[in-house]
Amino acid sequence: MRRVTILGATGSIGQNTIDLIDRQPDQYEVVALTGAGNIAQLAADARRLRAKYVVTAHEDRLNDLRDALAGTDIEVGAGQAALIEAGARPVDWVMSSIVGAAGLAPGLEALKQGATLALANKESLVCAGKLVMETAGLNAARVLPVDSEHSAVFQALVGEDIGAVERIVITASGGAFRDWPLEQLEQATVEEASNHPNWDMGQRITIDSASMFNKALEVIETHEFFGVDPDLIEVVVHPESTVHALVGFRDGALMAHLGAPDMRHAIGYALHWPERRELPVARLDLAAMGQLTFRAPDPARYPALGLAWAVMRRGGLSGAAFNAAKERALDHFIARRIRFTEMAGLVEAVLDRFEADSRLIDAGMTLDNVMITDHFARRWVDEEMTKRAG
């Protein structure tokens, strides 16, 4: 029986992971589940899966979680320290799907235990790719990608020499505003940005898809996970979301991974790796699809993409600054304090300030330094907001 932990169990990735585990419950022992504010869902999953340890990220919801699990012998916890403890519980396999930089520390703890880390928390590699991969190496642990794009690249590289790769093409749906006239983007509302044309995701990641900040993170993640030069990475808009990524080799061959837009593809591949097992996902009917379309992303529509290459050139802790600034700018957009089109400018201003701060740009890659950079970047976004308002 395989021991598993799900960090971020109540989100879409976590729920899809539970769906797969729930289909073969005799094969898995669920050690820990974590979530945020959806206490009812977290408790229901914990009861059904007979989890040993359940954590909410919100310290003020500890009593709610305790009440929801009354009558069971399930151990409960709350807050960041409890999340880290959940990651540190010895298991064979951990799904890391906590959204944001908060997922970094629990994921590192899992790697320190030698667990296989199925990584859906892209911020971990963006903020601290070198630290994550080095921690895995030092503890004979393995990191498997769960983002559909990186899983696709990973699968295309099975049996291949990474040195023979001349390009990696990451596809993007283009988000909610891919066909909007540019002049209308300034008026885009939170509700409009939260409506993805292809995927059923949470609000924040859906808005990040509309701005392509999500894709910018994935570009950086590709660089960190596969160790390829930034100049080998490309992005194309692919509205059908059927081709998840392509890998081009020096002989001119281009290998593509296709699949229905269902995250259980990538989750199932990571859960069952190195085997391929049957998954409850739709099979593609190529004739019914008729065609697949691709186009280059418009830099004016998606300025976040250009910032990704700036971050990769700067290196060091710039990814942590980029991610934190992006998250804080998104907070301001959701709160309707800025326009959709103002987020990229705020992030760029923070990156410029980061580059001018020798304390951070020259600092080593440690968890403490990542969190310090995260703190400064968020504060700088707020300071920039104050400056612009005044």
Protein backbone atom coordinates (compact mmCIF):
# COMPACT_ATOMS: atom_id res chain seq x y z
CA MET A 1 0.00 0.00 0.00
CA ARG A 2 1.35 3.40 -1.00
CA ARG A 3 1.40 6.18 1.61
CA VAL A 4 0.36 9.57 0.20
CA THR A 5 -0.14 13.16 1.34
CA ILE A 6 -2.10 15.84 -0.50
CA LEU A 7 -1.04 19.43 0.16
CA GLY A 8 -3.85 21.65 -1.08
CA ALA A 9 -6.52 18.97 -1.08
CA THR A 10 -9.55 21.25 -1.49
CA GLY A 11 -8.35 22.99 -4.68
CA SER A 12 -9.00 21.71 -8.19
CA ILE A 13 -5.71 19.76 -8.39
CA GLY A 14 -6.24 18.29 -4.95
CA GLN A 15 -9.81 17.26 -5.73
CA ASN A 16 -8.76 15.62 -8.99
CA THR A 17 -6.02 13.76 -7.11
CA ILE A 18 -8.56 12.56 -4.56
CA ASP A 19 -10.83 11.44 -7.39
CA LEU A 20 -8.09 9.16 -8.74
CA ILE A 21 -7.13 7.81 -5.31
CA ASP A 22 -10.77 7.26 -4.40
CA ARG A 23 -11.18 4.92 -7.38
CA GLN A 24 -8.59 2.50 -5.94
CA PRO A 25 -8.76 3.10 -2.16
CA ASP A 26 -7.20 -0.26 -1.33
CA GLN A 27 -3.94 0.85 -2.96
CA TYR A 28 -3.39 4.02 -0.92
CA GLU A 29 -3.00 5.06 2.70
CA VAL A 30 -3.72 8.78 3.03
CA VAL A 31 -1.43 10.15 5.71
CA ALA A 32 -2.13 13.90 5.55
CA LEU A 33 -4.52 16.32 3.88
CA THR A 34 -4.27 20.10 3.94
CA GLY A 35 -6.62 22.83 2.79
CA ALA A 36 -7.57 26.42 3.43
CA GLY A 37 -11.04 27.79 4.17
CA ASN A 38 -13.26 25.03 2.78
CA ILE A 39 -13.48 23.17 6.08
CA ALA A 40 -16.54 21.13 5.13
CA GLN A 41 -14.85 19.69 2.03
CA LEU A 42 -11.58 19.08 3.86
CA ALA A 43 -13.33 17.24 6.69
CA ALA A 44 -15.52 15.18 4.36
CA ASP A 45 -12.49 14.04 2.36
CA ALA A 46 -10.56 13.26 5.53
CA ARG A 47 -13.37 11.08 6.86
CA ARG A 48 -13.86 9.22 3.58
CA LEU A 49 -10.15 8.65 2.98
CA ARG A 50 -9.42 7.96 6.69
CA ALA A 51 -6.58 10.49 6.77
CA LYS A 52 -4.31 10.50 9.80
CA TYR A 53 -3.52 14.24 9.95
CA VAL A 54 -5.59 17.14 8.59
CA VAL A 55 -4.52 20.79 8.46
CA THR A 56 -6.18 24.07 7.57
CA ALA A 57 -3.90 26.93 6.56
CA HIS A 58 -6.08 29.35 8.54
CA GLU A 59 -5.16 29.35 12.22
CA ASP A 60 -8.50 30.90 13.15
CA ARG A 61 -10.37 27.91 11.66
CA LEU A 62 -8.75 25.28 13.87
CA ASN A 63 -11.81 24.90 16.10
CA ASP A 64 -14.07 24.66 13.04
CA LEU A 65 -11.91 21.83 11.69
CA ARG A 66 -11.84 20.14 15.07
CA ASP A 67 -15.64 20.31 15.31
CA ALA A 68 -16.05 18.99 11.75
CA LEU A 69 -13.95 15.94 12.66
CA ALA A 70 -15.47 15.35 16.08
CA GLY A 71 -15.91 11.68 16.87
CA THR A 72 -12.89 10.61 14.81
CA ASP A 73 -9.32 9.96 15.90
CA ILE A 74 -7.95 12.22 13.14
CA GLU A 75 -5.23 14.59 14.32
CA VAL A 76 -5.80 18.23 13.35
CA GLY A 77 -3.61 21.30 12.97
CA ALA A 78 -3.70 24.85 11.63
CA GLY A 79 -1.31 27.47 10.28
CA GLN A 80 2.00 27.43 8.46
CA ALA A 81 3.83 25.34 11.06
CA ALA A 82 1.16 22.65 10.76
CA LEU A 83 1.42 22.72 6.94
CA ILE A 84 5.15 22.14 7.25
CA GLU A 85 4.50 19.30 9.68
CA ALA A 86 2.12 17.73 7.14
CA GLY A 87 4.87 17.86 4.53
CA ALA A 88 7.33 16.29 6.94
CA ARG A 89 5.19 13.20 7.71
CA PRO A 90 6.97 10.18 6.16
CA VAL A 91 5.18 9.03 2.99
CA ASP A 92 6.01 7.66 -0.44
CA TRP A 93 4.29 10.31 -2.58
CA VAL A 94 3.19 13.92 -2.00
CA MET A 95 0.96 16.08 -4.16
CA SER A 96 2.09 19.69 -3.76
CA SER A 97 -0.81 21.86 -4.92
CA ILE A 98 -0.93 24.66 -2.36
CA VAL A 99 -1.30 27.88 -4.33
CA GLY A 100 1.45 30.49 -4.01
CA ALA A 101 4.75 30.74 -2.16
CA ALA A 102 3.14 29.15 0.92
CA GLY A 103 3.59 25.77 -0.79
CA LEU A 104 7.40 25.98 -0.89
CA ALA A 105 8.29 25.06 2.71
CA PRO A 106 5.97 22.00 3.00
CA GLY A 107 7.24 20.72 -0.34
CA LEU A 108 10.85 21.05 0.77
CA GLU A 109 10.04 19.09 3.94
CA ALA A 110 8.58 16.29 1.83
CA LEU A 111 11.75 16.15 -0.26
CA LYS A 112 13.86 15.99 2.89
CA GLN A 113 11.99 12.79 3.78
CA GLY A 114 12.95 11.30 0.39
CA ALA A 115 9.38 11.35 -0.92
CA THR A 116 8.40 11.69 -4.56
CA LEU A 117 7.02 15.22 -4.91
CA ALA A 118 4.33 15.67 -7.55
CA LEU A 119 4.71 19.38 -8.10
CA ALA A 120 1.66 21.40 -9.10
CA ASN A 121 2.85 24.37 -7.06
CA LYS A 122 4.74 26.15 -9.83
CA GLU A 123 5.79 28.92 -7.44
CA SER A 124 8.21 26.51 -5.75
CA LEU A 125 10.39 26.31 -8.86
CA VAL A 126 9.87 29.96 -9.81
CA CYS A 127 10.89 31.21 -6.37
CA ALA A 128 13.52 28.63 -5.49
CA GLY A 129 14.15 26.22 -8.35
CA LYS A 130 17.78 25.65 -7.48
CA LEU A 131 16.94 24.99 -3.82
CA VAL A 132 14.13 22.57 -4.68
CA MET A 133 16.16 20.51 -7.13
CA GLU A 134 19.24 20.45 -4.89
CA THR A 135 17.12 19.33 -1.90
CA ALA A 136 15.70 16.51 -4.01
CA GLY A 137 19.17 15.43 -5.08
CA LEU A 138 20.60 15.48 -1.56
CA ASN A 139 17.80 13.27 -0.24
CA ALA A 140 17.44 10.80 -3.14
CA ALA A 141 13.98 12.24 -3.72
CA ARG A 142 12.29 12.86 -7.05
CA VAL A 143 10.28 15.79 -8.39
CA LEU A 144 7.61 15.00 -10.98
CA PRO A 145 5.83 17.82 -12.83
CA VAL A 146 2.05 18.08 -12.64
CA ASP A 147 1.42 21.22 -14.65
CA SER A 148 0.02 19.82 -17.89
CA GLU A 149 2.68 21.61 -19.95
CA HIS A 150 5.64 20.34 -17.95
CA SER A 151 4.22 16.86 -17.67
CA ALA A 152 3.94 16.90 -21.46
CA VAL A 153 7.58 17.94 -21.85
CA PHE A 154 8.66 15.35 -19.29
CA GLN A 155 6.84 12.61 -21.18
CA ALA A 156 8.22 13.73 -24.55
CA LEU A 157 11.75 13.48 -23.12
CA VAL A 158 11.44 9.86 -21.89
CA GLY A 159 14.37 8.00 -23.44
CA GLU A 160 15.74 11.18 -25.03
CA ASP A 161 18.97 13.11 -24.50
CA ILE A 162 18.21 16.59 -23.14
CA GLY A 163 21.34 17.73 -24.98
CA ALA A 164 19.61 16.99 -28.28
CA VAL A 165 16.77 19.43 -27.54
CA GLU A 166 16.81 22.63 -29.58
CA ARG A 167 13.43 24.05 -28.51
CA ILE A 168 10.62 23.55 -26.02
CA VAL A 169 7.26 24.98 -27.03
CA ILE A 170 4.78 25.66 -24.24
CA THR A 171 1.20 26.17 -25.35
CA ALA A 172 -1.23 28.67 -23.84
CA SER A 173 -4.98 28.91 -24.17
CA GLY A 174 -4.76 32.69 -24.30
CA GLY A 175 -7.22 33.06 -21.46
CA ALA A 176 -10.46 34.96 -21.25
CA PHE A 177 -9.28 37.92 -23.34
CA ARG A 178 -7.40 36.24 -26.16
CA ASP A 179 -9.83 37.61 -28.79
CA TRP A 180 -10.69 40.94 -27.17
CA PRO A 181 -9.71 44.18 -28.92
CA LEU A 182 -6.65 45.57 -27.13
CA GLU A 183 -8.35 48.87 -26.39
CA GLN A 184 -11.02 47.07 -24.34
CA LEU A 185 -8.60 45.39 -21.94
CA GLU A 186 -8.39 48.44 -19.69
CA GLN A 187 -12.08 48.03 -18.93
CA ALA A 188 -11.91 44.28 -18.20
CA THR A 189 -13.64 43.37 -14.95
CA VAL A 190 -12.68 40.81 -12.33
CA GLU A 191 -15.71 38.73 -13.28
CA GLU A 192 -14.75 38.70 -16.96
CA ALA A 193 -11.15 37.76 -16.18
CA SER A 194 -12.39 34.93 -13.94
CA ASN A 195 -14.19 33.13 -16.77
CA HIS A 196 -11.78 30.76 -18.52
CA PRO A 197 -12.88 29.51 -21.96
CA ASN A 198 -11.41 25.99 -21.59
CA TRP A 199 -10.55 25.07 -18.02
CA ASP A 200 -12.45 24.94 -14.72
CA MET A 201 -9.97 26.46 -12.26
CA GLY A 202 -9.92 28.74 -9.23
CA GLN A 203 -10.32 32.49 -9.59
CA ARG A 204 -6.69 33.49 -9.12
CA ILE A 205 -5.19 31.04 -11.59
CA THR A 206 -7.94 31.86 -14.10
CA ILE A 207 -7.12 35.56 -13.93
CA ASP A 208 -3.42 34.70 -14.21
CA SER A 209 -4.30 32.80 -17.38
CA ALA A 210 -6.04 35.87 -18.80
CA SER A 211 -2.96 38.02 -18.13
CA MET A 212 -0.56 35.15 -18.98
CA PHE A 213 1.21 35.64 -15.69
CA ASN A 214 0.46 31.96 -15.22
CA LYS A 215 2.28 31.17 -18.46
CA ALA A 216 5.17 33.44 -17.45
CA LEU A 217 5.57 31.33 -14.31
CA GLU A 218 5.50 28.18 -16.42
CA VAL A 219 8.24 29.51 -18.70
CA ILE A 220 10.48 30.09 -15.68
CA GLU A 221 9.49 26.69 -14.32
CA THR A 222 10.53 25.05 -17.60
CA HIS A 223 13.94 26.70 -17.33
CA GLU A 224 14.40 25.58 -13.73
CA PHE A 225 13.05 22.04 -13.99
CA PHE A 226 14.69 20.96 -17.23
CA GLY A 227 17.79 23.14 -16.98
CA VAL A 228 17.43 24.48 -20.53
CA ASP A 229 18.62 27.84 -21.78
CA PRO A 230 15.85 30.48 -21.75
CA ASP A 231 16.43 31.07 -25.47
CA LEU A 232 15.23 27.52 -26.20
CA ILE A 233 11.78 28.15 -24.67
CA GLU A 234 8.87 29.38 -26.77
CA VAL A 235 5.20 30.13 -26.10
CA VAL A 236 2.38 29.79 -28.63
CA VAL A 237 -1.31 30.51 -28.20
CA HIS A 238 -3.32 27.35 -28.83
CA PRO A 239 -7.03 28.01 -28.17
CA GLU A 240 -8.09 24.36 -28.26
CA SER A 241 -5.81 23.41 -25.31
CA THR A 242 -5.30 19.99 -26.89
CA VAL A 243 -1.54 20.14 -27.52
CA HIS A 244 0.00 20.75 -24.10
CA ALA A 245 3.63 21.16 -25.16
CA LEU A 246 6.07 20.22 -27.90
CA VAL A 247 9.75 19.34 -27.80
CA GLY A 248 11.93 19.97 -30.83
CA PHE A 249 15.17 18.09 -31.41
CA ARG A 250 18.28 18.93 -33.39
CA ASP A 251 17.28 16.56 -36.19
CA GLY A 252 14.19 18.70 -36.85
CA ALA A 253 11.72 16.33 -35.18
CA LEU A 254 8.97 17.93 -33.11
CA MET A 255 7.27 15.67 -30.55
CA ALA A 256 3.90 16.82 -29.23
CA HIS A 257 1.82 15.65 -26.29
CA LEU A 258 -1.94 15.78 -26.95
CA GLY A 259 -4.81 15.13 -24.60
CA ALA A 260 -8.22 16.36 -23.55
CA PRO A 261 -8.13 19.40 -21.21
CA ASP A 262 -8.33 17.32 -18.03
CA MET A 263 -5.75 17.68 -15.25
CA ARG A 264 -6.15 14.00 -14.36
CA HIS A 265 -3.84 13.24 -17.30
CA ALA A 266 -0.84 14.87 -15.64
CA ILE A 267 -1.87 13.95 -12.10
CA GLY A 268 -2.37 10.32 -13.04
CA TYR A 269 0.95 10.15 -14.84
CA ALA A 270 2.74 11.46 -11.73
CA LEU A 271 0.71 9.26 -9.37
CA HIS A 272 1.43 6.05 -11.27
CA TRP A 273 4.91 6.85 -12.64
CA PRO A 274 6.86 5.05 -14.00
CA GLU A 275 3.85 3.00 -15.11
CA ARG A 276 1.03 4.13 -17.37
CA ARG A 277 -2.37 3.09 -16.06
CA GLU A 278 -5.88 3.56 -17.36
CA LEU A 279 -7.35 6.96 -16.50
CA PRO A 280 -10.98 8.15 -16.52
CA VAL A 281 -10.40 10.88 -19.09
CA ALA A 282 -11.93 11.57 -22.49
CA ARG A 283 -10.22 10.12 -25.56
CA LEU A 284 -9.54 12.54 -28.39
CA ASP A 285 -11.50 12.23 -31.63
CA LEU A 286 -9.14 13.90 -34.08
CA ALA A 287 -11.57 13.78 -36.96
CA ALA A 288 -14.25 15.45 -34.86
CA MET A 289 -11.83 18.20 -33.83
CA GLY A 290 -11.05 18.92 -37.45
CA GLN A 291 -8.20 21.34 -36.85
CA LEU A 292 -5.72 22.67 -34.32
CA THR A 293 -4.72 26.32 -34.41
CA PHE A 294 -1.64 28.16 -33.18
CA ARG A 295 -0.54 31.78 -33.15
CA ALA A 296 2.22 33.85 -31.64
CA PRO A 297 1.33 35.69 -28.41
CA ASP A 298 0.94 39.47 -28.80
CA PRO A 299 3.49 41.21 -26.50
CA ALA A 300 1.14 44.18 -26.10
CA ARG A 301 -1.67 41.91 -24.90
CA TYR A 302 0.57 39.77 -22.67
CA PRO A 303 3.42 41.90 -21.25
CA ALA A 304 3.87 39.37 -18.43
CA LEU A 305 5.61 37.01 -20.84
CA GLY A 306 8.45 39.44 -21.51
CA LEU A 307 9.01 39.77 -17.76
CA ALA A 308 9.60 36.01 -17.53
CA TRP A 309 12.69 36.22 -19.74
CA ALA A 310 13.93 39.21 -17.73
CA VAL A 311 13.64 37.11 -14.56
CA MET A 312 15.52 34.19 -16.10
CA ARG A 313 18.33 36.51 -17.23
CA ARG A 314 18.60 38.05 -13.75
CA GLY A 315 18.50 34.70 -11.95
CA GLY A 316 19.03 34.33 -8.20
CA LEU A 317 16.11 35.46 -6.11
CA SER A 318 14.45 37.46 -8.88
CA GLY A 319 11.91 34.68 -9.37
CA ALA A 320 10.80 35.08 -5.76
CA ALA A 321 10.42 38.83 -6.27
CA PHE A 322 8.49 38.27 -9.50
CA ASN A 323 6.07 35.77 -7.99
CA ALA A 324 5.38 37.83 -4.86
CA ALA A 325 4.84 41.00 -6.87
CA LYS A 326 2.52 39.14 -9.22
CA GLU A 327 0.47 37.76 -6.32
CA ARG A 328 0.18 41.17 -4.65
CA ALA A 329 -0.72 42.94 -7.89
CA LEU A 330 -3.43 40.33 -8.40
CA ASP A 331 -4.74 41.06 -4.90
CA HIS A 332 -5.14 44.71 -5.88
CA PHE A 333 -6.91 43.84 -9.13
CA ILE A 334 -9.34 41.48 -7.40
CA ALA A 335 -10.02 44.23 -4.84
CA ARG A 336 -10.73 46.56 -7.81
CA ARG A 337 -8.01 49.01 -6.82
CA ILE A 338 -6.21 48.75 -10.19
CA ARG A 339 -7.12 47.93 -13.77
CA PHE A 340 -6.36 44.58 -15.36
CA THR A 341 -3.74 46.23 -17.58
CA GLU A 342 -1.88 47.79 -14.63
CA MET A 343 -0.71 44.55 -13.03
CA ALA A 344 2.30 44.01 -15.32
CA GLY A 345 3.54 47.56 -14.78
CA LEU A 346 3.47 47.10 -11.01
CA VAL A 347 5.44 43.86 -11.27
CA GLU A 348 7.99 45.42 -13.60
CA ALA A 349 8.52 48.31 -11.17
CA VAL A 350 9.21 45.83 -8.38
CA LEU A 351 11.72 43.91 -10.52
CA ASP A 352 13.55 47.14 -11.27
CA ARG A 353 13.68 47.95 -7.57
CA PHE A 354 14.85 44.43 -6.78
CA GLU A 355 17.71 44.72 -9.27
CA ALA A 356 18.84 47.95 -7.60
CA ASP A 357 18.91 46.35 -4.13
CA SER A 358 22.28 44.63 -3.71
CA ARG A 359 21.18 43.05 -0.42
CA LEU A 360 18.74 40.84 -2.33
CA ILE A 361 20.17 40.43 -5.80
CA ASP A 362 23.43 39.08 -4.40
CA ALA A 363 21.89 37.00 -1.59
CA GLY A 364 22.19 33.21 -1.59
CA MET A 365 19.36 30.82 -2.44
CA THR A 366 18.01 29.79 0.97
CA LEU A 367 14.44 29.42 2.21
CA ASP A 368 14.90 32.38 4.56
CA ASN A 369 16.16 34.60 1.74
CA VAL A 370 13.29 33.53 -0.50
CA MET A 371 10.78 34.52 2.17
CA ILE A 372 12.57 37.81 2.86
CA THR A 373 12.48 38.64 -0.85
CA ASP A 374 8.81 37.68 -0.94
CA HIS A 375 8.12 40.09 1.94
CA PHE A 376 9.99 42.99 0.34
CA ALA A 377 8.37 42.49 -3.06
CA ARG A 378 4.86 42.54 -1.63
CA ARG A 379 5.67 45.67 0.36
CA TRP A 380 7.13 47.35 -2.71
CA VAL A 381 3.94 46.72 -4.68
CA ASP A 382 1.96 48.49 -1.96
CA GLU A 383 4.46 51.36 -1.88
CA GLU A 384 4.21 51.70 -5.65
CA MET A 385 0.43 51.80 -5.31
CA THR A 386 0.70 54.59 -2.75
CA LYS A 387 3.12 56.51 -4.95
CA ARG A 388 0.82 56.30 -7.95
CA ALA A 389 -2.22 57.28 -5.91
CA GLY A 390 -0.42 60.35 -4.54
